[in-house]
Amino acid sequence: MTTYNQEERYYQAKKKVEEIKGFYANLFIYIIFIPIFIWINSFSSSFPWAIFPIVGWGIGVFFHGMETYNYSPILGKNWEKRKIKEFMDKDDELKPF
């Protein structure tokens, strides 16, 4: 039983590390592309079209970070874990002994 728990904890930690790496890669690429969009925009037209991909992608990066670090202002911290525990407890109550 202990081995299973250790393996499960390892895979959960590894999954979390992969999520964090994905977020930082997304953030890094976003930071690199902001000046590129602005530079291209300065040569292509007088309309500031670069603001649209910058803001759109920025919103995506923001929500990616919120998901990666389990921040949910609407549902609260650890809402998913509490809900899973609630359903498991409810299921245990319905099982006959």
PDB file of N, CA and C in Angstrom:
ATOM      1  N   MET A   1       0.819  -1.193   0.000  1.00  0.00           N
ATOM      2  CA  MET A   1       0.000   0.000   0.000  1.00  0.00           C
ATOM      3  C   MET A   1       0.863   1.258   0.000  1.00  0.00           C
ATOM      4  N   THR A   2       1.933   1.247   0.749  1.00  0.00           N
ATOM      5  CA  THR A   2       2.806   2.412   0.821  1.00  0.00           C
ATOM      6  C   THR A   2       3.467   2.692  -0.528  1.00  0.00           C
ATOM      7  N   THR A   3       3.861   1.617  -1.218  1.00  0.00           N
ATOM      8  CA  THR A   3       4.496   1.792  -2.521  1.00  0.00           C
ATOM      9  C   THR A   3       3.546   2.468  -3.496  1.00  0.00           C
ATOM     10  N   TYR A   4       2.292   2.058  -3.492  1.00  0.00           N
ATOM     11  CA  TYR A   4       1.296   2.664  -4.381  1.00  0.00           C
ATOM     12  C   TYR A   4       1.141   4.152  -4.071  1.00  0.00           C
ATOM     13  N   ASN A   5       1.048   4.487  -2.799  1.00  0.00           N
ATOM     14  CA  ASN A   5       0.903   5.890  -2.417  1.00  0.00           C
ATOM     15  C   ASN A   5       2.116   6.714  -2.836  1.00  0.00           C
ATOM     16  N   GLN A   6       3.312   6.158  -2.663  1.00  0.00           N
ATOM     17  CA  GLN A   6       4.523   6.861  -3.057  1.00  0.00           C
ATOM     18  C   GLN A   6       4.555   7.065  -4.569  1.00  0.00           C
ATOM     19  N   GLU A   7       4.185   6.031  -5.325  1.00  0.00           N
ATOM     20  CA  GLU A   7       4.170   6.149  -6.781  1.00  0.00           C
ATOM     21  C   GLU A   7       3.122   7.157  -7.231  1.00  0.00           C
ATOM     22  N   GLU A   8       1.968   7.116  -6.623  1.00  0.00           N
ATOM     23  CA  GLU A   8       0.898   8.061  -6.969  1.00  0.00           C
ATOM     24  C   GLU A   8       1.325   9.495  -6.647  1.00  0.00           C
ATOM     25  N   ARG A   9       1.935   9.687  -5.497  1.00  0.00           N
ATOM     26  CA  ARG A   9       2.420  11.025  -5.130  1.00  0.00           C
ATOM     27  C   ARG A   9       3.494  11.498  -6.098  1.00  0.00           C
ATOM     28  N   TYR A  10       4.375  10.574  -6.511  1.00  0.00           N
ATOM     29  CA  TYR A  10       5.426  10.920  -7.466  1.00  0.00           C
ATOM     30  C   TYR A  10       4.806  11.382  -8.789  1.00  0.00           C
ATOM     31  N   TYR A  11       3.844  10.622  -9.308  1.00  0.00           N
ATOM     32  CA  TYR A  11       3.230  10.984 -10.590  1.00  0.00           C
ATOM     33  C   TYR A  11       2.427  12.276 -10.493  1.00  0.00           C
ATOM     34  N   GLN A  12       1.783  12.507  -9.369  1.00  0.00           N
ATOM     35  CA  GLN A  12       1.060  13.769  -9.181  1.00  0.00           C
ATOM     36  C   GLN A  12       2.034  14.943  -9.134  1.00  0.00           C
ATOM     37  N   ALA A  13       3.159  14.765  -8.428  1.00  0.00           N
ATOM     38  CA  ALA A  13       4.164  15.827  -8.360  1.00  0.00           C
ATOM     39  C   ALA A  13       4.787  16.069  -9.732  1.00  0.00           C
ATOM     40  N   LYS A  14       5.054  15.001 -10.463  1.00  0.00           N
ATOM     41  CA  LYS A  14       5.622  15.128 -11.805  1.00  0.00           C
ATOM     42  C   LYS A  14       4.654  15.846 -12.737  1.00  0.00           C
ATOM     43  N   LYS A  15       3.373  15.523 -12.625  1.00  0.00           N
ATOM     44  CA  LYS A  15       2.348  16.189 -13.439  1.00  0.00           C
ATOM     45  C   LYS A  15       2.309  17.685 -13.122  1.00  0.00           C
ATOM     46  N   LYS A  16       2.386  18.031 -11.857  1.00  0.00           N
ATOM     47  CA  LYS A  16       2.365  19.435 -11.437  1.00  0.00           C
ATOM     48  C   LYS A  16       3.589  20.179 -11.969  1.00  0.00           C
ATOM     49  N   VAL A  17       4.753  19.543 -11.918  1.00  0.00           N
ATOM     50  CA  VAL A  17       5.971  20.160 -12.439  1.00  0.00           C
ATOM     51  C   VAL A  17       5.836  20.398 -13.945  1.00  0.00           C
ATOM     52  N   GLU A  18       5.257  19.460 -14.665  1.00  0.00           N
ATOM     53  CA  GLU A  18       5.051  19.621 -16.107  1.00  0.00           C
ATOM     54  C   GLU A  18       4.094  20.781 -16.392  1.00  0.00           C
ATOM     55  N   GLU A  19       3.051  20.921 -15.577  1.00  0.00           N
ATOM     56  CA  GLU A  19       2.122  22.040 -15.746  1.00  0.00           C
ATOM     57  C   GLU A  19       2.837  23.377 -15.523  1.00  0.00           C
ATOM     58  N   ILE A  20       3.674  23.446 -14.494  1.00  0.00           N
ATOM     59  CA  ILE A  20       4.405  24.680 -14.204  1.00  0.00           C
ATOM     60  C   ILE A  20       5.383  24.998 -15.332  1.00  0.00           C
ATOM     61  N   LYS A  21       6.091  23.976 -15.838  1.00  0.00           N
ATOM     62  CA  LYS A  21       7.005  24.194 -16.959  1.00  0.00           C
ATOM     63  C   LYS A  21       6.239  24.702 -18.187  1.00  0.00           C
ATOM     64  N   GLY A  22       5.066  24.148 -18.447  1.00  0.00           N
ATOM     65  CA  GLY A  22       4.256  24.592 -19.580  1.00  0.00           C
ATOM     66  C   GLY A  22       3.828  26.040 -19.436  1.00  0.00           C
ATOM     67  N   PHE A  23       3.454  26.419 -18.226  1.00  0.00           N
ATOM     68  CA  PHE A  23       3.065  27.808 -17.985  1.00  0.00           C
ATOM     69  C   PHE A  23       4.238  28.758 -18.217  1.00  0.00           C
ATOM     70  N   TYR A  24       5.407  28.432 -17.656  1.00  0.00           N
ATOM     71  CA  TYR A  24       6.568  29.315 -17.823  1.00  0.00           C
ATOM     72  C   TYR A  24       7.027  29.379 -19.273  1.00  0.00           C
ATOM     73  N   ALA A  25       6.893  28.282 -20.011  1.00  0.00           N
ATOM     74  CA  ALA A  25       7.231  28.315 -21.439  1.00  0.00           C
ATOM     75  C   ALA A  25       6.272  29.257 -22.171  1.00  0.00           C
ATOM     76  N   ASN A  26       4.996  29.159 -21.865  1.00  0.00           N
ATOM     77  CA  ASN A  26       3.999  30.043 -22.476  1.00  0.00           C
ATOM     78  C   ASN A  26       4.287  31.497 -22.129  1.00  0.00           C
ATOM     79  N   LEU A  27       4.592  31.779 -20.878  1.00  0.00           N
ATOM     80  CA  LEU A  27       4.899  33.138 -20.435  1.00  0.00           C
ATOM     81  C   LEU A  27       6.161  33.673 -21.117  1.00  0.00           C
ATOM     82  N   PHE A  28       7.198  32.857 -21.216  1.00  0.00           N
ATOM     83  CA  PHE A  28       8.448  33.267 -21.850  1.00  0.00           C
ATOM     84  C   PHE A  28       8.229  33.612 -23.325  1.00  0.00           C
ATOM     85  N   ILE A  29       7.518  32.755 -24.037  1.00  0.00           N
ATOM     86  CA  ILE A  29       7.251  33.013 -25.456  1.00  0.00           C
ATOM     87  C   ILE A  29       6.402  34.270 -25.612  1.00  0.00           C
ATOM     88  N   TYR A  30       5.438  34.460 -24.733  1.00  0.00           N
ATOM     89  CA  TYR A  30       4.607  35.668 -24.764  1.00  0.00           C
ATOM     90  C   TYR A  30       5.470  36.921 -24.602  1.00  0.00           C
ATOM     91  N   ILE A  31       6.375  36.893 -23.629  1.00  0.00           N
ATOM     92  CA  ILE A  31       7.241  38.047 -23.385  1.00  0.00           C
ATOM     93  C   ILE A  31       8.154  38.313 -24.585  1.00  0.00           C
ATOM     94  N   ILE A  32       8.618  37.269 -25.253  1.00  0.00           N
ATOM     95  CA  ILE A  32       9.459  37.427 -26.441  1.00  0.00           C
ATOM     96  C   ILE A  32       8.661  38.034 -27.599  1.00  0.00           C
ATOM     97  N   PHE A  33       7.405  37.605 -27.774  1.00  0.00           N
ATOM     98  CA  PHE A  33       6.622  38.034 -28.926  1.00  0.00           C
ATOM     99  C   PHE A  33       5.994  39.416 -28.797  1.00  0.00           C
ATOM    100  N   ILE A  34       5.861  39.949 -27.605  1.00  0.00           N
ATOM    101  CA  ILE A  34       5.289  41.303 -27.463  1.00  0.00           C
ATOM    102  C   ILE A  34       6.087  42.326 -28.268  1.00  0.00           C
ATOM    103  N   PRO A  35       7.411  42.421 -28.088  1.00  0.00           N
ATOM    104  CA  PRO A  35       8.141  43.404 -28.891  1.00  0.00           C
ATOM    105  C   PRO A  35       8.132  43.083 -30.388  1.00  0.00           C
ATOM    106  N   ILE A  36       8.063  41.799 -30.724  1.00  0.00           N
ATOM    107  CA  ILE A  36       8.006  41.424 -32.144  1.00  0.00           C
ATOM    108  C   ILE A  36       6.711  41.932 -32.765  1.00  0.00           C
ATOM    109  N   PHE A  37       5.594  41.739 -32.076  1.00  0.00           N
ATOM    110  CA  PHE A  37       4.316  42.259 -32.583  1.00  0.00           C
ATOM    111  C   PHE A  37       4.364  43.774 -32.741  1.00  0.00           C
ATOM    112  N   ILE A  38       4.913  44.458 -31.753  1.00  0.00           N
ATOM    113  CA  ILE A  38       4.989  45.919 -31.803  1.00  0.00           C
ATOM    114  C   ILE A  38       5.903  46.363 -32.944  1.00  0.00           C
ATOM    115  N   TRP A  39       7.025  45.693 -33.132  1.00  0.00           N
ATOM    116  CA  TRP A  39       7.954  46.024 -34.201  1.00  0.00           C
ATOM    117  C   TRP A  39       7.304  45.826 -35.573  1.00  0.00           C
ATOM    118  N   ILE A  40       6.649  44.683 -35.777  1.00  0.00           N
ATOM    119  CA  ILE A  40       5.971  44.431 -37.053  1.00  0.00           C
ATOM    120  C   ILE A  40       4.873  45.462 -37.279  1.00  0.00           C
ATOM    121  N   ASN A  41       4.134  45.777 -36.229  1.00  0.00           N
ATOM    122  CA  ASN A  41       3.057  46.751 -36.341  1.00  0.00           C
ATOM    123  C   ASN A  41       3.593  48.133 -36.734  1.00  0.00           C
ATOM    124  N   SER A  42       4.749  48.490 -36.214  1.00  0.00           N
ATOM    125  CA  SER A  42       5.301  49.815 -36.526  1.00  0.00           C
ATOM    126  C   SER A  42       5.670  49.960 -37.997  1.00  0.00           C
ATOM    127  N   PHE A  43       5.985  48.854 -38.671  1.00  0.00           N
ATOM    128  CA  PHE A  43       6.334  48.914 -40.091  1.00  0.00           C
ATOM    129  C   PHE A  43       5.161  48.622 -41.017  1.00  0.00           C
ATOM    130  N   SER A  44       4.126  47.975 -40.510  1.00  0.00           N
ATOM    131  CA  SER A  44       3.057  47.518 -41.409  1.00  0.00           C
ATOM    132  C   SER A  44       1.931  48.526 -41.592  1.00  0.00           C
ATOM    133  N   SER A  45       1.479  49.154 -40.528  1.00  0.00           N
ATOM    134  CA  SER A  45       0.370  50.102 -40.668  1.00  0.00           C
ATOM    135  C   SER A  45       0.356  51.062 -39.483  1.00  0.00           C
ATOM    136  N   SER A  46      -0.463  52.102 -39.637  1.00  0.00           N
ATOM    137  CA  SER A  46      -0.578  53.066 -38.536  1.00  0.00           C
ATOM    138  C   SER A  46      -1.629  52.613 -37.516  1.00  0.00           C
ATOM    139  N   PHE A  47      -2.458  51.631 -37.879  1.00  0.00           N
ATOM    140  CA  PHE A  47      -3.463  51.096 -36.951  1.00  0.00           C
ATOM    141  C   PHE A  47      -2.772  50.188 -35.931  1.00  0.00           C
ATOM    142  N   PRO A  48      -3.018  50.368 -34.665  1.00  0.00           N
ATOM    143  CA  PRO A  48      -2.335  49.559 -33.641  1.00  0.00           C
ATOM    144  C   PRO A  48      -2.958  48.162 -33.480  1.00  0.00           C
ATOM    145  N   TRP A  49      -2.867  47.351 -34.522  1.00  0.00           N
ATOM    146  CA  TRP A  49      -3.458  46.017 -34.492  1.00  0.00           C
ATOM    147  C   TRP A  49      -2.737  45.087 -33.505  1.00  0.00           C
ATOM    148  N   ALA A  50      -1.490  45.386 -33.165  1.00  0.00           N
ATOM    149  CA  ALA A  50      -0.717  44.512 -32.275  1.00  0.00           C
ATOM    150  C   ALA A  50      -1.347  44.394 -30.892  1.00  0.00           C
ATOM    151  N   ILE A  51      -2.158  45.374 -30.525  1.00  0.00           N
ATOM    152  CA  ILE A  51      -2.785  45.322 -29.201  1.00  0.00           C
ATOM    153  C   ILE A  51      -3.717  44.111 -29.068  1.00  0.00           C
ATOM    154  N   PHE A  52      -4.335  43.700 -30.166  1.00  0.00           N
ATOM    155  CA  PHE A  52      -5.290  42.585 -30.102  1.00  0.00           C
ATOM    156  C   PHE A  52      -4.618  41.248 -29.762  1.00  0.00           C
ATOM    157  N   PRO A  53      -3.562  40.840 -30.476  1.00  0.00           N
ATOM    158  CA  PRO A  53      -2.920  39.583 -30.055  1.00  0.00           C
ATOM    159  C   PRO A  53      -2.211  39.698 -28.705  1.00  0.00           C
ATOM    160  N   ILE A  54      -1.692  40.885 -28.395  1.00  0.00           N
ATOM    161  CA  ILE A  54      -1.014  41.055 -27.100  1.00  0.00           C
ATOM    162  C   ILE A  54      -2.005  40.893 -25.955  1.00  0.00           C
ATOM    163  N   VAL A  55      -3.145  41.561 -26.036  1.00  0.00           N
ATOM    164  CA  VAL A  55      -4.154  41.464 -24.970  1.00  0.00           C
ATOM    165  C   VAL A  55      -4.780  40.072 -24.937  1.00  0.00           C
ATOM    166  N   GLY A  56      -5.122  39.539 -26.119  1.00  0.00           N
ATOM    167  CA  GLY A  56      -5.743  38.208 -26.165  1.00  0.00           C
ATOM    168  C   GLY A  56      -4.852  37.128 -25.598  1.00  0.00           C
ATOM    169  N   TRP A  57      -3.621  37.117 -26.041  1.00  0.00           N
ATOM    170  CA  TRP A  57      -2.656  36.133 -25.557  1.00  0.00           C
ATOM    171  C   TRP A  57      -2.364  36.365 -24.079  1.00  0.00           C
ATOM    172  N   GLY A  58      -2.299  37.624 -23.670  1.00  0.00           N
ATOM    173  CA  GLY A  58      -2.063  37.946 -22.257  1.00  0.00           C
ATOM    174  C   GLY A  58      -3.160  37.404 -21.359  1.00  0.00           C
ATOM    175  N   ILE A  59      -4.405  37.513 -21.812  1.00  0.00           N
ATOM    176  CA  ILE A  59      -5.519  36.942 -21.043  1.00  0.00           C
ATOM    177  C   ILE A  59      -5.357  35.432 -20.944  1.00  0.00           C
ATOM    178  N   GLY A  60      -4.961  34.807 -22.051  1.00  0.00           N
ATOM    179  CA  GLY A  60      -4.723  33.364 -22.028  1.00  0.00           C
ATOM    180  C   GLY A  60      -3.618  32.967 -21.070  1.00  0.00           C
ATOM    181  N   VAL A  61      -2.534  33.724 -21.057  1.00  0.00           N
ATOM    182  CA  VAL A  61      -1.418  33.449 -20.137  1.00  0.00           C
ATOM    183  C   VAL A  61      -1.875  33.634 -18.691  1.00  0.00           C
ATOM    184  N   PHE A  62      -2.666  34.669 -18.448  1.00  0.00           N
ATOM    185  CA  PHE A  62      -3.180  34.921 -17.103  1.00  0.00           C
ATOM    186  C   PHE A  62      -4.009  33.729 -16.598  1.00  0.00           C
ATOM    187  N   PHE A  63      -4.937  33.254 -17.429  1.00  0.00           N
ATOM    188  CA  PHE A  63      -5.771  32.127 -17.008  1.00  0.00           C
ATOM    189  C   PHE A  63      -4.976  30.827 -16.934  1.00  0.00           C
ATOM    190  N   HIS A  64      -3.972  30.679 -17.786  1.00  0.00           N
ATOM    191  CA  HIS A  64      -3.099  29.510 -17.697  1.00  0.00           C
ATOM    192  C   HIS A  64      -2.379  29.500 -16.349  1.00  0.00           C
ATOM    193  N   GLY A  65      -1.894  30.659 -15.916  1.00  0.00           N
ATOM    194  CA  GLY A  65      -1.249  30.768 -14.607  1.00  0.00           C
ATOM    195  C   GLY A  65      -2.209  30.474 -13.473  1.00  0.00           C
ATOM    196  N   MET A  66      -3.435  30.983 -13.587  1.00  0.00           N
ATOM    197  CA  MET A  66      -4.432  30.712 -12.542  1.00  0.00           C
ATOM    198  C   MET A  66      -4.702  29.213 -12.434  1.00  0.00           C
ATOM    199  N   GLU A  67      -4.815  28.545 -13.577  1.00  0.00           N
ATOM    200  CA  GLU A  67      -5.068  27.107 -13.563  1.00  0.00           C
ATOM    201  C   GLU A  67      -3.860  26.348 -13.019  1.00  0.00           C
ATOM    202  N   THR A  68      -2.675  26.741 -13.433  1.00  0.00           N
ATOM    203  CA  THR A  68      -1.455  26.058 -13.000  1.00  0.00           C
ATOM    204  C   THR A  68      -1.276  26.132 -11.489  1.00  0.00           C
ATOM    205  N   TYR A  69      -1.557  27.286 -10.906  1.00  0.00           N
ATOM    206  CA  TYR A  69      -1.349  27.470  -9.470  1.00  0.00           C
ATOM    207  C   TYR A  69      -2.637  27.318  -8.652  1.00  0.00           C
ATOM    208  N   ASN A  70      -3.648  26.696  -9.250  1.00  0.00           N
ATOM    209  CA  ASN A  70      -4.911  26.367  -8.576  1.00  0.00           C
ATOM    210  C   ASN A  70      -5.555  27.566  -7.901  1.00  0.00           C
ATOM    211  N   TYR A  71      -5.570  28.686  -8.583  1.00  0.00           N
ATOM    212  CA  TYR A  71      -6.219  29.874  -8.036  1.00  0.00           C
ATOM    213  C   TYR A  71      -7.550  30.064  -8.738  1.00  0.00           C
ATOM    214  N   SER A  72      -8.613  30.089  -7.953  1.00  0.00           N
ATOM    215  CA  SER A  72      -9.950  30.290  -8.505  1.00  0.00           C
ATOM    216  C   SER A  72     -10.709  31.257  -7.603  1.00  0.00           C
ATOM    217  N   PRO A  73     -10.817  32.518  -8.022  1.00  0.00           N
ATOM    218  CA  PRO A  73     -11.505  33.491  -7.171  1.00  0.00           C
ATOM    219  C   PRO A  73     -12.998  33.207  -7.045  1.00  0.00           C
ATOM    220  N   ILE A  74     -13.568  32.498  -7.997  1.00  0.00           N
ATOM    221  CA  ILE A  74     -15.006  32.214  -7.970  1.00  0.00           C
ATOM    222  C   ILE A  74     -15.302  31.013  -7.073  1.00  0.00           C
ATOM    223  N   LEU A  75     -14.585  29.928  -7.276  1.00  0.00           N
ATOM    224  CA  LEU A  75     -14.867  28.704  -6.538  1.00  0.00           C
ATOM    225  C   LEU A  75     -14.031  28.562  -5.275  1.00  0.00           C
ATOM    226  N   GLY A  76     -12.996  29.340  -5.135  1.00  0.00           N
ATOM    227  CA  GLY A  76     -12.166  29.277  -3.943  1.00  0.00           C
ATOM    228  C   GLY A  76     -11.041  28.268  -4.081  1.00  0.00           C
ATOM    229  N   LYS A  77     -10.146  28.333  -3.134  1.00  0.00           N
ATOM    230  CA  LYS A  77      -8.984  27.464  -3.144  1.00  0.00           C
ATOM    231  C   LYS A  77      -9.390  26.031  -2.787  1.00  0.00           C
ATOM    232  N   ASN A  78      -8.837  25.087  -3.499  1.00  0.00           N
ATOM    233  CA  ASN A  78      -9.072  23.652  -3.267  1.00  0.00           C
ATOM    234  C   ASN A  78     -10.540  23.257  -3.397  1.00  0.00           C
ATOM    235  N   TRP A  79     -11.312  23.975  -4.187  1.00  0.00           N
ATOM    236  CA  TRP A  79     -12.723  23.663  -4.362  1.00  0.00           C
ATOM    237  C   TRP A  79     -12.896  22.262  -4.931  1.00  0.00           C
ATOM    238  N   GLU A  80     -12.083  21.920  -5.926  1.00  0.00           N
ATOM    239  CA  GLU A  80     -12.206  20.616  -6.568  1.00  0.00           C
ATOM    240  C   GLU A  80     -11.953  19.484  -5.569  1.00  0.00           C
ATOM    241  N   LYS A  81     -10.926  19.618  -4.750  1.00  0.00           N
ATOM    242  CA  LYS A  81     -10.623  18.579  -3.760  1.00  0.00           C
ATOM    243  C   LYS A  81     -11.758  18.431  -2.748  1.00  0.00           C
ATOM    244  N   ARG A  82     -12.303  19.558  -2.296  1.00  0.00           N
ATOM    245  CA  ARG A  82     -13.413  19.495  -1.335  1.00  0.00           C
ATOM    246  C   ARG A  82     -14.636  18.823  -1.963  1.00  0.00           C
ATOM    247  N   LYS A  83     -14.911  19.129  -3.224  1.00  0.00           N
ATOM    248  CA  LYS A  83     -16.076  18.560  -3.894  1.00  0.00           C
ATOM    249  C   LYS A  83     -15.897  17.055  -4.094  1.00  0.00           C
ATOM    250  N   ILE A  84     -14.685  16.633  -4.471  1.00  0.00           N
ATOM    251  CA  ILE A  84     -14.416  15.206  -4.633  1.00  0.00           C
ATOM    252  C   ILE A  84     -14.606  14.489  -3.307  1.00  0.00           C
ATOM    253  N   LYS A  85     -14.078  15.066  -2.214  1.00  0.00           N
ATOM    254  CA  LYS A  85     -14.229  14.460  -0.896  1.00  0.00           C
ATOM    255  C   LYS A  85     -15.703  14.377  -0.513  1.00  0.00           C
ATOM    256  N   GLU A  86     -16.458  15.429  -0.827  1.00  0.00           N
ATOM    257  CA  GLU A  86     -17.892  15.437  -0.522  1.00  0.00           C
ATOM    258  C   GLU A  86     -18.616  14.302  -1.242  1.00  0.00           C
ATOM    259  N   PHE A  87     -18.320  14.127  -2.521  1.00  0.00           N
ATOM    260  CA  PHE A  87     -18.976  13.062  -3.285  1.00  0.00           C
ATOM    261  C   PHE A  87     -18.540  11.682  -2.822  1.00  0.00           C
ATOM    262  N   MET A  88     -17.247  11.537  -2.453  1.00  0.00           N
ATOM    263  CA  MET A  88     -16.783  10.247  -1.955  1.00  0.00           C
ATOM    264  C   MET A  88     -17.436   9.921  -0.617  1.00  0.00           C
ATOM    265  N   ASP A  89     -17.546  10.905   0.271  1.00  0.00           N
ATOM    266  CA  ASP A  89     -18.206  10.683   1.557  1.00  0.00           C
ATOM    267  C   ASP A  89     -19.672  10.337   1.368  1.00  0.00           C
ATOM    268  N   LYS A  90     -20.316  11.018   0.453  1.00  0.00           N
ATOM    269  CA  LYS A  90     -21.723  10.744   0.176  1.00  0.00           C
ATOM    270  C   LYS A  90     -21.893   9.338  -0.378  1.00  0.00           C
ATOM    271  N   ASP A  91     -20.960   8.922  -1.245  1.00  0.00           N
ATOM    272  CA  ASP A  91     -21.002   7.581  -1.812  1.00  0.00           C
ATOM    273  C   ASP A  91     -20.792   6.530  -0.732  1.00  0.00           C
ATOM    274  N   ASP A  92     -19.903   6.810   0.222  1.00  0.00           N
ATOM    275  CA  ASP A  92     -19.639   5.859   1.318  1.00  0.00           C
ATOM    276  C   ASP A  92     -20.880   5.704   2.203  1.00  0.00           C
ATOM    277  N   GLU A  93     -21.646   6.781   2.363  1.00  0.00           N
ATOM    278  CA  GLU A  93     -22.849   6.707   3.184  1.00  0.00           C
ATOM    279  C   GLU A  93     -23.916   5.825   2.542  1.00  0.00           C
ATOM    280  N   LEU A  94     -23.945   5.785   1.228  1.00  0.00           N
ATOM    281  CA  LEU A  94     -24.954   5.011   0.517  1.00  0.00           C
ATOM    282  C   LEU A  94     -24.621   3.533   0.416  1.00  0.00           C
ATOM    283  N   LYS A  95     -23.369   3.168   0.632  1.00  0.00           N
ATOM    284  CA  LYS A  95     -22.950   1.769   0.526  1.00  0.00           C
ATOM    285  C   LYS A  95     -23.438   0.996   1.759  1.00  0.00           C
ATOM    286  N   PRO A  96     -23.979  -0.199   1.517  1.00  0.00           N
ATOM    287  CA  PRO A  96     -24.360  -1.032   2.676  1.00  0.00           C
ATOM    288  C   PRO A  96     -23.116  -1.655   3.309  1.00  0.00           C
ATOM    289  N   PHE A  97     -23.177  -1.868   4.598  1.00  0.00           N
ATOM    290  CA  PHE A  97     -22.031  -2.437   5.313  1.00  0.00           C
ATOM    291  C   PHE A  97     -21.977  -3.887   5.142  1.00  0.00           C
TER     292      PHE A  97
END
